Amino acid sequence: MSKNALPTDASGFVVLSEFVPHIIQEIRYHSTYNFIGERIDGYEEPIALLTVEAARALKSVCNELFVQGYRLKVFDAYRPVSAVRQFILWGIEDTDIRMKPYFYPDLEKQELFAKGYIAKRSSHSRGSAIDLTLLDMKTGREVDMGSPFDLFSEVSHPDYRGVTEAQFENRMMLRRAMVRNGFLPLDCEWWHFVLKDEPYPDTYFTFPVSAASLRQ
């Protein structure tokens, strides 16, 4: 499939858990525990889909960290355009702020776009971006990063120094492993990375998040 791929063609994608066996998934946008408070359009199954190239790079990250006692925990990967559209409509028209105390306590929802926390055209829709954290295999718990996933706040900036040294080092451990294996970080979210040499830099895919999408 060329870089000018059809937005409906999922042939260049894989189910991440089948490609990276040690991966843990908590797909937040398939649940109601996210910044909107309901399942997001296009998330038909609680699975992560990713381009083959990004999955291959992530497998290298997983192997590197596994021998150090950590597993990768994924919150989101490929995100269909319909989900992004729902985010935009929620930000512009919807007055519902029920999840504000949990995800954007210090911001008005309209600020989430201006400050870069929510994109009107998401790199996730190109299929090579991922949101993730680390899980400590000794404790069975997520590594303390100083802020939870999708907390839209300055505290979540990777270089924020208001967290403890241990929390900052945990962020940097994840960041170093991802960068070493070909991913680029985002300056406002410690959990977000996108493959540097993504295969479809100009295509925003529309197929739903489901294993069936890959079989069509």
Foldseek 3Di string as FASTA:
>chain_A
DALPDDQLACQQKDFLCVLQVQEAEDAPLCQLPAQQRHRFPQAPDRTEMAGPLLSVLVSQLQVVVVVVQKGKYFHYAADALRRLVVLVCCLPPNPDRPNCVPAPVPDRSVVCDVVPVRDSQDPSLLGFKTFIFMAGNVVRGTQQQQHDPRRQDQSQFLPDPPGDPRNNVRLVVSVVSSVVSAWDDDRRHSGMIGGNPRRHPPHRHHHGPDPVSNVD
